[in-house]
Protein backbone atom coordinates (compact mmCIF):
# COMPACT_ATOMS: atom_id res chain seq x y z
CA MET A 1 -1.76 68.48 62.56
CA SER A 2 -3.87 70.22 59.91
CA VAL A 3 -2.97 70.11 56.24
CA THR A 4 -4.00 72.54 53.52
CA THR A 5 -3.60 72.38 49.79
CA GLU A 6 -1.27 75.37 49.85
CA ASN A 7 1.19 73.50 52.06
CA LEU A 8 1.63 70.82 49.41
CA ILE A 9 1.26 72.68 46.10
CA PHE A 10 4.76 74.18 46.18
CA ARG A 11 7.18 71.44 45.25
CA SER A 12 10.62 71.45 43.73
CA VAL A 13 11.09 70.19 40.21
CA SER A 14 12.80 67.09 41.61
CA SER A 15 9.57 65.91 43.25
CA VAL A 16 8.12 65.23 39.79
CA ALA A 17 10.02 62.08 38.96
CA LEU A 18 9.81 59.14 36.63
CA SER A 19 8.26 55.97 37.96
CA ALA A 20 10.31 53.17 39.46
CA ALA A 21 9.88 51.20 36.26
CA GLU A 22 11.70 53.92 34.30
CA GLU A 23 14.53 54.26 36.86
CA SER A 24 15.09 50.52 36.85
CA ASN A 25 16.37 50.83 33.28
CA VAL A 26 19.53 52.59 34.54
CA THR A 27 22.33 50.10 33.98
CA GLY A 28 25.66 50.12 35.77
CA ASP A 29 27.51 48.91 38.80
CA ALA A 30 27.18 49.34 42.52
CA GLU A 31 28.26 52.46 44.37
CA GLY A 32 31.93 53.29 45.03
CA TYR A 33 34.59 51.10 46.63
CA ASP A 34 34.02 50.94 50.39
CA TYR A 35 37.50 50.07 51.70
CA GLU A 36 39.96 51.40 54.26
CA PHE A 37 42.77 52.77 52.07
CA VAL A 38 46.44 52.89 53.08
CA PRO A 39 47.26 55.79 53.08
CA SER A 40 43.88 57.53 53.40
CA LEU A 41 41.92 58.20 50.23
CA ASP A 42 42.63 61.52 48.50
CA ASN A 43 39.53 63.69 47.98
CA LYS A 44 40.13 63.80 44.23
CA TYR A 45 39.33 60.07 44.08
CA MET A 46 36.15 60.39 46.15
CA CYS A 47 32.65 60.41 44.56
CA PRO A 48 30.66 63.51 45.71
CA ILE A 49 27.44 61.43 45.76
CA CYS A 50 28.29 58.21 47.63
CA LEU A 51 31.45 59.62 49.33
CA MET A 52 33.43 56.45 48.51
CA ALA A 53 36.28 55.69 46.12
CA LEU A 54 35.23 56.11 42.48
CA ARG A 55 34.06 52.90 40.83
CA ASN A 56 34.15 53.01 36.99
CA ALA A 57 35.05 56.70 37.19
CA VAL A 58 33.45 59.14 34.73
CA GLN A 59 33.99 62.87 34.24
CA THR A 60 31.51 65.57 33.25
CA THR A 61 32.11 68.49 30.90
CA CYS A 62 32.04 70.77 33.95
CA GLY A 63 35.10 68.93 35.35
CA HIS A 64 33.68 66.78 38.14
CA ARG A 65 34.21 63.06 38.70
CA PHE A 66 31.56 60.54 39.78
CA CYS A 67 30.94 56.81 39.95
CA ARG A 68 29.22 55.79 36.73
CA SER A 69 26.14 54.32 38.49
CA CYS A 70 25.86 57.26 40.94
CA ILE A 71 25.70 59.97 38.25
CA LYS A 72 23.29 57.92 36.13
CA ARG A 73 20.84 57.59 39.02
CA SER A 74 21.20 61.29 39.75
CA LEU A 75 20.49 62.28 36.13
CA VAL A 76 17.29 60.22 36.12
CA ARG A 77 15.91 62.47 38.86
CA GLN A 78 17.43 65.80 37.77
CA LYS A 79 19.29 66.84 34.62
CA ARG A 80 21.88 68.91 36.54
CA CYS A 81 25.32 68.38 38.01
CA PRO A 82 24.98 67.57 41.75
CA VAL A 83 28.07 69.71 42.56
CA ASP A 84 27.61 73.03 40.72
CA ASN A 85 23.99 72.63 39.49
CA GLU A 86 25.01 73.12 35.84
CA ALA A 87 22.76 71.67 33.14
CA LEU A 88 23.88 68.09 32.44
CA ASN A 89 22.78 64.97 30.60
CA GLU A 90 24.29 61.56 29.78
CA GLU A 91 25.77 62.82 26.52
CA LEU A 92 28.00 65.18 28.52
CA VAL A 93 29.43 62.41 30.74
CA PHE A 94 32.61 60.55 29.59
CA PRO A 95 34.66 57.64 30.98
CA ASP A 96 37.79 58.69 32.89
CA ASN A 97 40.11 55.72 32.27
CA TYR A 98 43.15 57.53 33.71
CA ALA A 99 41.43 58.03 37.08
CA ARG A 100 40.15 54.46 36.96
CA ARG A 101 43.68 53.05 36.61
CA GLU A 102 44.99 55.28 39.41
CA ILE A 103 42.25 54.13 41.78
CA LEU A 104 42.85 50.46 41.02
CA ASP A 105 46.54 51.03 41.87
CA LEU A 106 45.66 52.31 45.36
CA LYS A 107 46.30 49.99 48.31
CA ALA A 108 43.50 49.03 50.68
CA LYS A 109 42.97 46.84 53.71
CA CYS A 110 40.91 43.62 53.52
CA ARG A 111 37.42 44.13 54.91
CA ASN A 112 37.19 40.70 56.57
CA LYS A 113 37.30 41.05 60.33
CA GLY A 114 40.62 39.86 61.76
CA CYS A 115 42.50 40.06 58.43
CA ASN A 116 45.25 42.74 58.17
CA HIS A 117 46.23 42.01 54.59
CA VAL A 118 46.93 45.11 52.42
CA CYS A 119 47.05 44.92 48.62
CA GLU A 120 46.24 46.88 45.49
CA LEU A 121 42.55 47.43 44.89
CA ARG A 122 42.71 45.56 41.58
CA ARG A 123 43.87 42.42 43.45
CA MET A 124 41.38 42.66 46.28
CA LYS A 125 38.90 40.28 44.61
CA ASP A 126 41.54 37.58 44.17
CA HIS A 127 42.57 37.93 47.82
CA GLY A 128 38.94 37.70 48.95
CA GLU A 129 38.64 34.23 47.41
CA VAL A 130 41.55 32.86 49.47
CA CYS A 131 41.36 35.06 52.59
CA PRO A 132 41.44 32.81 55.70
CA MET A 133 39.05 35.19 57.49
CA ARG A 134 36.41 35.19 54.77
CA LYS A 135 32.93 33.86 55.60
CA ILE A 136 30.97 31.27 53.65
CA PRO A 137 27.26 30.36 53.93
CA CYS A 138 26.29 27.18 55.77
CA LYS A 139 25.79 24.34 53.28
CA HIS A 140 22.60 23.29 55.10
CA LYS A 141 21.09 26.73 54.27
CA CYS A 142 20.38 27.76 57.84
CA GLY A 143 21.12 31.38 56.95
CA LEU A 144 24.42 31.83 58.82
CA ASP A 145 27.71 33.01 57.28
CA LEU A 146 30.71 31.38 58.95
CA LEU A 147 34.51 31.48 58.90
CA ILE A 148 35.97 28.55 57.01
CA GLU A 149 37.62 27.19 60.14
CA ASP A 150 34.28 27.25 62.00
CA ALA A 151 32.05 26.02 59.16
CA ILE A 152 32.83 22.28 59.47
CA PHE A 153 32.16 22.16 63.23
CA HIS A 154 28.95 24.17 62.82
CA GLU A 155 27.63 22.03 59.96
CA GLU A 156 28.34 18.76 61.79
CA SER A 157 27.46 19.62 65.39
CA GLN A 158 25.56 22.91 65.75
CA CYS A 159 23.46 23.63 62.66
CA PRO A 160 19.73 23.23 63.41
CA ARG A 161 19.24 22.01 59.84
CA ARG A 162 21.93 19.31 59.89
CA PRO A 163 20.57 15.96 58.64
CA VAL A 164 19.78 13.19 61.14
CA GLN A 165 18.58 9.63 60.50
CA CYS A 166 15.35 8.22 61.93
CA ASP A 167 15.98 5.05 63.99
CA LYS A 168 12.54 3.71 63.07
CA CYS A 169 12.17 4.25 59.31
CA GLY A 170 15.81 5.04 58.40
CA SER A 171 15.03 8.23 56.44
CA LEU A 172 17.05 11.48 56.70
CA TYR A 173 15.47 14.76 57.81
CA PRO A 174 16.67 18.18 59.15
CA LEU A 175 17.06 18.26 62.92
CA CYS A 176 14.75 21.27 63.25
CA GLU A 177 11.95 19.26 61.59
CA GLU A 178 12.22 16.33 63.99
CA GLN A 179 8.74 16.84 65.43
CA ASN A 180 7.14 16.91 61.98
CA HIS A 181 8.97 13.73 61.00
CA LYS A 182 7.79 11.98 64.15
CA GLU A 183 4.21 12.77 63.18
CA GLU A 184 4.80 11.37 59.70
CA CYS A 185 6.62 8.35 61.07
CA LYS A 186 3.62 7.48 63.24
CA GLN A 187 1.66 6.80 60.07
CA HIS A 188 3.74 3.65 59.51
CA ARG A 189 3.25 2.03 62.91
CA LEU A 190 0.90 -0.98 63.31
CA ILE A 191 -2.45 -0.33 64.96
CA THR A 192 -5.65 -2.34 65.49
CA CYS A 193 -8.97 -1.29 64.00
CA PRO A 194 -11.24 0.08 66.78
CA HIS A 195 -14.22 -1.88 65.38
CA CYS A 196 -12.61 -5.21 64.47
CA THR A 197 -9.39 -7.12 65.25
CA HIS A 198 -7.67 -6.42 61.96
CA GLU A 199 -4.11 -4.97 62.18
CA MET A 200 -2.70 -2.47 59.67
CA LYS A 201 -0.43 0.55 59.31
CA GLN A 202 -1.93 3.76 60.62
CA TYR A 203 -2.07 5.53 57.26
CA LYS A 204 -4.31 2.70 55.94
CA LEU A 205 -6.82 2.95 58.79
CA GLN A 206 -9.07 5.53 57.16
CA GLN A 207 -9.37 3.52 53.95
CA HIS A 208 -10.13 0.39 55.98
CA LEU A 209 -12.90 2.13 57.93
CA THR A 210 -14.38 3.71 54.80
CA MET A 211 -14.30 0.75 52.43
CA GLU A 212 -13.56 -2.58 54.17
CA CYS A 213 -14.39 -2.91 57.88
CA SER A 214 -17.58 -4.97 58.32
CA GLN A 215 -18.14 -3.63 61.86
CA ALA A 216 -17.56 0.07 61.12
CA PRO A 217 -20.71 2.18 61.56
CA ILE A 218 -22.00 3.70 58.32
CA LYS A 219 -24.95 5.92 57.55
CA CYS A 220 -27.94 4.85 55.55
CA VAL A 221 -27.74 5.59 51.81
CA PHE A 222 -31.06 7.44 52.23
CA GLU A 223 -29.42 9.94 54.59
CA LYS A 224 -29.64 12.68 51.95
CA VAL A 225 -33.40 12.40 51.90
CA GLY A 226 -33.77 12.26 55.71
CA CYS A 227 -33.05 8.78 57.12
CA PRO A 228 -31.01 9.26 60.34
CA GLN A 229 -30.19 5.57 60.95
CA GLU A 230 -26.60 4.38 61.38
CA HIS A 231 -25.61 0.67 61.42
CA SER A 232 -22.53 -1.46 60.97
CA ARG A 233 -21.65 -2.27 57.38
CA HIS A 234 -22.60 -5.90 58.02
CA ASN A 235 -26.12 -5.01 59.25
CA MET A 236 -26.89 -2.27 56.73
CA GLN A 237 -28.49 -4.67 54.23
CA GLN A 238 -30.92 -5.87 56.90
CA HIS A 239 -31.85 -2.26 57.68
CA MET A 240 -32.51 -1.58 53.99
CA GLU A 241 -34.86 -4.56 53.76
CA LYS A 242 -36.85 -3.64 56.88
CA SER A 243 -37.15 0.11 56.25
CA THR A 244 -38.53 0.17 52.71
CA GLN A 245 -41.74 1.98 53.70
CA VAL A 246 -39.91 4.54 55.84
CA HIS A 247 -37.57 5.34 52.97
CA LEU A 248 -40.64 5.70 50.73
CA GLN A 249 -41.97 8.38 53.06
CA TYR A 250 -38.69 10.28 52.88
CA LEU A 251 -38.66 10.10 49.09
CA LEU A 252 -42.23 11.38 48.85
CA SER A 253 -41.30 14.30 51.07
CA ASN A 254 -38.33 15.20 48.87
CA ILE A 255 -40.35 14.82 45.67
CA CYS A 256 -42.85 17.36 46.94
CA GLN A 257 -40.06 19.83 47.67
CA VAL A 258 -38.33 19.19 44.31
CA MET A 259 -41.59 19.85 42.47
CA LYS A 260 -41.99 23.15 44.31
CA SER A 261 -38.40 24.12 43.52
CA ASN A 262 -38.89 23.11 39.88
CA SER A 263 -41.88 25.42 39.66
CA SER A 264 -39.83 28.29 41.21
CA ILE A 265 -36.99 27.76 38.71
CA SER A 266 -39.44 27.84 35.79
CA GLU A 267 -40.84 31.16 36.97
CA LEU A 268 -37.31 32.52 37.44
CA LEU A 269 -36.33 31.46 33.91
CA GLN A 270 -39.34 33.25 32.46
CA LYS A 271 -38.51 36.46 34.36
CA LEU A 272 -34.86 36.39 33.36
CA SER A 273 -35.59 35.57 29.71
CA SER A 274 -38.07 38.40 29.48
CA ARG A 275 -35.74 40.88 31.12
CA VAL A 276 -32.72 39.91 28.97
CA GLN A 277 -34.77 40.33 25.80
CA ASP A 278 -35.79 43.81 26.97
CA LEU A 279 -32.17 44.73 27.71
CA GLU A 280 -30.88 43.49 24.36
CA SER A 281 -33.63 45.22 22.39
CA ASN A 282 -33.23 48.55 24.22
CA ASN A 283 -29.37 48.32 24.44
CA SER A 284 -29.61 49.40 28.06
CA CYS A 285 -28.53 47.86 31.36
CA ASP A 286 -30.88 49.86 33.64
CA GLY A 287 -32.64 46.73 34.78
CA SER A 288 -29.62 44.45 35.08
CA ALA A 289 -29.38 45.02 38.81
CA ASP A 290 -33.10 44.16 39.20
CA VAL A 291 -32.63 40.94 37.24
CA MET A 292 -29.65 39.91 39.33
CA ASP A 293 -31.64 40.69 42.49
CA ILE A 294 -34.44 38.44 41.26
CA TYR A 295 -31.93 35.68 40.46
CA GLU A 296 -30.16 35.88 43.81
CA ARG A 297 -33.39 36.17 45.82
CA ASP A 298 -35.12 33.22 44.15
CA THR A 299 -32.09 30.94 44.14
CA GLN A 300 -31.53 31.76 47.82
CA GLY A 301 -35.16 30.90 48.44
CA MET A 302 -34.68 27.54 46.77
CA ALA A 303 -31.55 26.86 48.84
CA ASN A 304 -33.43 27.69 52.03
CA GLY A 305 -36.21 25.40 50.90
CA TYR A 306 -33.81 22.47 50.63
CA LYS A 307 -32.19 23.33 53.95
CA ASN A 308 -35.54 23.43 55.75
CA MET A 309 -36.96 20.44 53.92
CA PRO A 310 -39.75 18.91 56.08
CA ARG A 311 -39.41 15.44 57.53
CA PRO A 312 -42.07 12.70 57.54
CA ALA A 313 -43.15 13.54 61.10
CA LYS A 314 -44.38 16.96 59.89
CA SER A 315 -47.11 17.92 57.43
CA LEU A 316 -45.66 17.32 53.98
CA HIS A 317 -48.40 17.64 51.44
CA ASP A 318 -50.48 19.94 49.35
CA ALA A 319 -52.27 17.37 47.15
CA ASP A 320 -54.98 15.09 48.61
CA ASP A 321 -53.71 11.96 46.87
CA GLU A 322 -50.20 12.38 48.33
CA GLU A 323 -51.72 12.85 51.81
CA ASP A 324 -53.76 9.66 51.42
CA GLU A 325 -50.71 7.72 50.23
CA ILE A 326 -48.59 8.67 53.24
CA GLN A 327 -51.48 7.93 55.63
CA LYS A 328 -51.69 4.44 54.17
CA ILE A 329 -47.94 3.95 54.68
CA LYS A 330 -48.16 5.18 58.27
CA ALA A 331 -51.06 2.80 58.96
CA TYR A 332 -49.06 -0.08 57.51
CA ASN A 333 -46.01 0.81 59.64
CA LEU A 334 -48.22 0.76 62.77
CA LYS A 335 -49.61 -2.59 61.75
CA MET A 336 -46.10 -4.00 61.25
CA GLU A 337 -45.00 -2.74 64.69
CA ARG A 338 -47.97 -4.45 66.36
CA ALA A 339 -47.25 -7.62 64.42
CA SER A 340 -43.65 -7.65 65.73
CA ASP A 341 -44.88 -7.55 69.37
CA PRO A 342 -44.57 -11.08 70.90
CA VAL A 343 -47.95 -10.67 72.61
CA ARG A 344 -49.63 -10.09 69.25
CA LEU A 345 -48.01 -12.91 67.23
CA GLU A 346 -50.86 -15.35 67.49
CA ASN A 347 -52.34 -15.01 63.98
CA PRO A 348 -50.01 -12.96 61.73
CA SER A 349 -51.28 -12.31 58.24
CA GLN A 350 -48.11 -13.27 56.30
CA SER A 351 -49.61 -13.17 52.83
CA SER A 352 -51.12 -9.68 53.28
CA ALA A 353 -47.87 -8.27 54.66
CA SER A 354 -45.81 -9.71 51.81
CA ALA A 355 -48.16 -8.32 49.19
CA LEU A 356 -48.11 -4.86 50.73
CA ALA A 357 -44.29 -4.92 51.04
CA LYS A 358 -43.93 -5.89 47.38
CA ASP A 359 -46.33 -3.12 46.32
CA ALA A 360 -44.42 -0.57 48.39
CA GLU A 361 -41.10 -1.65 46.87
CA GLU A 362 -42.48 -1.16 43.33
CA LYS A 363 -43.71 2.31 44.27
CA LEU A 364 -40.31 3.10 45.76
CA ILE A 365 -38.59 2.20 42.47
CA GLY A 366 -41.05 4.31 40.50
CA LEU A 367 -40.59 7.29 42.79
CA ASP A 368 -36.81 6.95 42.54
CA HIS A 369 -37.01 7.19 38.72
CA HIS A 370 -39.32 10.20 39.01
CA VAL A 371 -36.88 11.96 41.36
CA ARG A 372 -34.00 11.37 38.92
CA GLU A 373 -36.01 12.85 36.06
CA LEU A 374 -36.90 15.92 38.10
CA MET A 375 -33.29 16.42 39.19
CA ALA A 376 -32.05 16.19 35.58
CA LYS A 377 -34.64 18.73 34.48
CA MET A 378 -33.68 21.05 37.33
CA ASP A 379 -29.97 20.81 36.39
CA THR A 380 -30.85 21.83 32.82
CA GLN A 381 -32.83 24.81 34.04
CA ILE A 382 -30.05 25.89 36.40
CA GLY A 383 -27.64 25.78 33.44
CA SER A 384 -30.00 28.09 31.54
CA VAL A 385 -30.07 30.49 34.51
CA LYS A 386 -26.27 30.59 34.56
CA GLU A 387 -26.16 31.28 30.82
CA LEU A 388 -28.57 34.20 31.23
CA SER A 389 -26.50 35.51 34.12
CA THR A 390 -23.37 35.43 31.91
CA ARG A 391 -25.15 37.40 29.21
CA LEU A 392 -26.22 40.00 31.77
CA ASN A 393 -22.62 40.37 32.99
CA SER A 394 -21.49 40.89 29.39
CA ILE A 395 -24.05 43.67 28.94
CA GLU A 396 -22.91 45.35 32.17
CA GLN A 397 -19.27 45.24 31.02
CA LYS A 398 -20.18 46.85 27.70
CA MET A 399 -22.03 49.67 29.48
CA SER A 400 -19.10 50.20 31.87
CA PHE A 401 -16.74 50.49 28.87
CA GLN A 402 -19.03 53.11 27.32
CA GLU A 403 -18.87 55.18 30.52
CA LEU A 404 -15.05 55.11 30.49
CA ARG A 405 -15.01 56.07 26.82
CA CYS A 406 -17.34 59.05 27.21
CA CYS A 407 -15.93 60.60 30.41
CA ASN A 408 -13.98 63.25 28.37
CA GLY A 409 -10.82 62.91 30.43
CA LEU A 410 -12.48 63.37 33.85
CA TYR A 411 -12.38 60.16 35.88
CA PHE A 412 -13.03 59.38 39.56
CA TRP A 413 -11.31 56.20 40.75
CA LYS A 414 -12.76 54.69 43.94
CA ILE A 415 -10.34 52.29 45.66
CA LYS A 416 -12.53 50.22 47.98
CA GLU A 417 -11.13 48.01 50.78
CA TYR A 418 -8.28 50.49 51.23
CA GLY A 419 -7.12 48.82 54.46
CA ARG A 420 -6.64 45.43 52.80
CA PHE A 421 -4.77 46.89 49.80
CA ARG A 422 -2.63 49.07 52.08
CA LYS A 423 -1.59 46.04 54.14
CA ALA A 424 -0.82 44.03 50.98
CA ALA A 425 1.35 46.91 49.71
CA SER A 426 3.31 47.22 52.97
CA THR A 427 4.06 43.47 53.01
CA GLY A 428 5.09 43.46 49.33
CA GLU A 429 2.21 41.19 48.29
CA MET A 430 0.56 43.78 46.01
CA THR A 431 2.59 46.98 45.70
CA VAL A 432 0.87 48.52 42.64
CA LEU A 433 -2.77 49.19 41.66
CA HIS A 434 -3.91 50.38 38.21
CA SER A 435 -7.23 52.05 37.47
CA PRO A 436 -9.41 51.03 34.50
CA GLY A 437 -8.37 52.79 31.28
CA PHE A 438 -10.41 55.92 30.47
CA TYR A 439 -10.46 58.14 27.36
CA THR A 440 -9.82 61.85 26.92
CA SER A 441 -12.69 61.82 24.37
CA PRO A 442 -14.67 59.08 22.57
CA GLN A 443 -11.97 59.00 19.86
CA GLY A 444 -9.06 60.25 22.00
CA TYR A 445 -6.15 58.98 24.08
CA LYS A 446 -6.54 56.11 26.57
CA ILE A 447 -4.96 56.68 30.01
CA CYS A 448 -4.89 54.94 33.39
CA VAL A 449 -3.79 56.00 36.89
CA ARG A 450 -1.27 53.99 38.91
CA VAL A 451 -0.96 54.21 42.70
CA ASN A 452 1.63 52.75 45.08
CA LEU A 453 -0.15 52.73 48.43
CA ASP A 454 3.11 52.19 50.33
CA GLY A 455 5.20 54.58 48.22
CA VAL A 456 8.37 53.85 46.23
CA GLU A 457 12.12 54.31 46.59
CA ASN A 458 13.17 56.76 49.31
CA PHE A 459 9.53 57.48 50.17
CA GLN A 460 8.49 53.86 50.68
CA GLY A 461 6.41 53.51 53.82
CA THR A 462 5.97 57.29 54.26
CA HIS A 463 4.20 58.70 51.17
CA LEU A 464 1.53 57.85 48.62
CA SER A 465 3.03 57.64 45.10
CA LEU A 466 0.83 58.53 42.12
CA PHE A 467 1.54 58.21 38.36
CA VAL A 468 -0.23 58.15 34.98
CA HIS A 469 0.39 55.68 32.15
CA LEU A 470 -0.67 55.92 28.51
CA MET A 471 -2.49 52.83 27.21
CA LYS A 472 -3.03 51.38 23.75
CA GLY A 473 -6.36 52.74 22.42
CA GLU A 474 -8.58 51.95 19.45
CA ASN A 475 -7.75 55.12 17.53
CA ASP A 476 -4.02 55.50 18.12
CA ASP A 477 -3.36 55.51 14.36
CA LEU A 478 -5.39 58.73 14.03
CA LEU A 479 -3.90 60.58 17.02
CA THR A 480 -0.92 62.94 17.25
CA TRP A 481 2.16 61.51 19.03
CA PRO A 482 3.78 62.05 21.42
CA PHE A 483 0.97 63.00 23.79
CA SER A 484 0.93 66.67 24.79
CA GLY A 485 -1.32 68.06 27.48
CA VAL A 486 -1.92 68.84 31.15
CA ILE A 487 -2.90 66.23 33.75
CA THR A 488 -4.24 67.10 37.20
CA LEU A 489 -4.24 64.42 39.91
CA THR A 490 -6.35 64.96 43.03
CA VAL A 491 -6.92 62.98 46.22
CA ILE A 492 -10.46 63.79 47.40
CA ASN A 493 -11.06 64.78 51.03
CA GLN A 494 -14.26 63.10 52.28
CA ARG A 495 -15.03 64.98 55.50
CA GLU A 496 -18.71 65.41 56.37
CA GLN A 497 -18.67 69.23 56.26
CA PRO A 498 -17.83 70.63 52.79
CA GLN A 499 -16.10 73.69 54.28
CA GLU A 500 -13.65 71.39 56.10
CA ARG A 501 -12.56 69.58 52.96
CA SER A 502 -9.17 70.40 51.46
CA HIS A 503 -8.46 68.25 48.41
CA ILE A 504 -4.82 67.59 47.52
CA SER A 505 -4.06 68.38 43.86
CA GLU A 506 -0.96 68.35 41.69
CA THR A 507 -0.72 69.36 38.02
CA LEU A 508 1.89 67.98 35.64
CA HIS A 509 2.67 68.94 32.05
CA ALA A 510 3.51 66.21 29.56
CA GLN A 511 7.17 66.22 28.53
CA THR A 512 7.13 64.99 24.96
CA ASN A 513 10.77 63.90 25.01
CA LEU A 514 10.10 61.19 27.62
CA MET A 515 9.17 57.62 26.79
CA ALA A 516 6.20 57.86 29.15
CA PHE A 517 4.35 60.02 26.58
CA GLN A 518 5.26 58.16 23.40
CA ARG A 519 2.79 55.93 21.58
CA PRO A 520 2.28 52.70 23.59
CA LEU A 521 3.65 49.55 21.98
CA ALA A 522 2.28 47.24 24.69
CA GLU A 523 -1.17 47.22 26.29
CA ARG A 524 0.11 49.82 28.78
CA ASN A 525 3.29 51.91 28.64
CA GLN A 526 5.80 50.41 31.06
CA LYS A 527 7.08 53.85 31.93
CA GLY A 528 4.86 56.26 33.80
CA TYR A 529 5.08 59.87 34.96
CA GLY A 530 3.98 61.41 38.23
CA TYR A 531 4.92 61.93 41.87
CA ILE A 532 6.89 59.59 44.10
CA ASP A 533 6.00 61.72 47.18
CA PHE A 534 2.46 62.82 46.36
CA PHE A 535 1.12 62.91 49.94
CA PRO A 536 2.22 61.64 53.41
CA LEU A 537 0.45 58.39 54.33
CA GLN A 538 0.03 59.39 57.98
CA LEU A 539 -1.97 62.48 57.00
CA LEU A 540 -3.88 60.58 54.32
CA GLU A 541 -5.21 58.14 56.91
CA THR A 542 -5.97 60.68 59.67
CA GLN A 543 -7.26 63.82 57.92
CA GLY A 544 -10.51 62.57 56.36
CA PHE A 545 -9.25 61.24 53.03
CA ILE A 546 -10.36 57.67 53.84
CA LYS A 547 -14.08 57.12 54.43
CA ASN A 548 -15.90 53.78 54.60
CA ASP A 549 -12.53 52.16 53.83
CA THR A 550 -12.52 53.91 50.43
CA LEU A 551 -9.94 56.24 48.83
CA ILE A 552 -11.07 58.44 45.89
CA ILE A 553 -8.58 59.69 43.28
CA LYS A 554 -9.63 62.14 40.58
CA ALA A 555 -7.79 62.46 37.26
CA HIS A 556 -8.48 65.33 34.83
CA VAL A 557 -6.69 65.23 31.45
CA ARG A 558 -6.68 68.20 29.05
CA VAL A 559 -5.12 67.68 25.61
CA ASP A 560 -3.10 70.53 24.08
CA THR A 561 -2.81 69.35 20.49
CA PRO A 562 -5.48 68.12 18.06
CA GLN A 563 -6.22 64.51 18.93
CA ALA A 564 -7.13 63.11 15.56
CA VAL A 565 -6.60 63.73 11.88
CA GLN A 566 -9.45 65.77 10.43
C-alpha cells in the first residue's frame, strides 16, 4: 500500500488535539449508569455519548442532556455539541438537578449474576454491600473474585496461594512457591565438607571452604602475576617457601610490563593535556573526537598488554641487566632441581644454597616495593586521564548547546535504536520520548518535540502521536507571551531514491488561549499541542521511514510576533 503526503494532509479539526497530559486534567465521574432498568429506560434519561443512564446529569444551553464526565471529555476534543454541532464550551453547561433526582428514583435490577433484586437506583450501592451474590477478592491475592459462599472453601482448600507449613523448618509459605521453599530449606540441612570430615549446615559450606578448611585447594597468592600452582590451605606455606625464585621471575616479568604501560600512560597524558589546552584556547571542539580516539586506542592497547602479559617461559626482556638476572635465576633453579635428585645428593652445598635463597628473598621484597610504587603512580596518572576526559565531555556539551541555540527554529531529531524504543513503548516501559530543547533564535523561545511511539488514547498501538512543548528559556522575561506562530512537524522518508521519498508533514497554528502556549512555569510545559494520530505505525515501519533503525523528525518553528523587547 503506497502512501502520499496528499492522503494525509487533509484532516478534520478534531485530529489536532491536546496531549494526554492536558486531557487528564478533566475531572468528573465515570460514564453513565449501566443497569437493567424496570421498566426500560426512557430515551430522555439516556446520554447521547455513552448511551447509558445519565450520571450527574448536566444540560447545555442548546437543550441537550449529558453525563457530566462524558460532555467534559467531548469538549476537550471539540468545542461543539455532539448532537447538533452547535458551538459549546464548559461555561454553557449547567447541572440538571431535577433530572438527576428523577434518575435516582428509577428502579433497576442488581447486576450480580443470580440476584433478581430490584430497587431504586439511589439504594443500589447499599444493596451491593449486602447482596448474597456479590463477589469478593480472594484474601490470599490469587486474583480471583468469588461469591461469599464459595470464598471460604476456595481460600482453605483450592487457592494456589493458600499458606502451608514446612514439616522440616516449620515456616509458612504459599503453596505455589513450594518448590522455591524446598530449595531454601535445603540450605539448613547438615552436610559434610568434601575435603575434610567437618559437618555443617549447607549455607555455611562456602564460607568454610573459603576461609576455614585446611584441606580445601586454594590458588597461590602470586596467581595474579602468573603462578598457576594450586595446593591445599595446609600445604600452601610450604609452596611459598620453596617457590621464592619462581615467584621472583613472575614479578620481574610483570614489572617489565608495568614499566612499558607507565611509559604509554605518560605519553597519553601529554597528548591529552596538549589537545585540551588547544581546545580551551580556541573555544572549539573540532579535535575532541580525535582526543577521545587517542584515549580509547591507547587505553585499549594497555589493557591488551596486560591480557597478553608474557610468562617466564617466553622472552621477557629489553634491558641486558634484566636478561642476565633472569638467566641467573634459571640457572639456580636448575641447580636446585639436580640437588633434589637422590642420585645427586652425595655432596650438597648447603651453605651456598642458603646464601643464594636469602639473596633472592631480599630481591623479591625489593621488587615487590617497586611494583607497588609503580602501581600507585599509574593509578594517579589514570585519574588525570579521567579528569581530562571529563573536561572534554564538558566542552562537547557546551558546543552541542550552542548548536541548539543557533538553529533558528529548524531542528532535525534523530531517534536512534527505534526498535528498542518502540518495544519499550508498546510494553508501557517507556511511552514518551522528548527531544533536546532548541531555540527559535539565539534570544528566542525554547521548544522541544514529544513523540509517543505507540500512540495515545484511541490511537494507541495504531498511530504515531506527535506534540510540541514550550520550555523555560534564558530570555523568557524579554519575550512576548503567549507564544504565537506556526509549527510544522515532518517525519522524513529515508528511501534511497529521492524521487521515491514522500515526507509526511502537518502544520499547526498556535492557539494563544490554550495553556500549552503560555509562559512555562516549570522546566517544560506539562501541556503540549499536536496530533494524536499523526501517522499509522504500520506504514511508518514499512514505507521507508525507518532506516538503520533510525527515525528522523523535523520541526520548523516560525514566530508571528516580535520575540523580544527592543
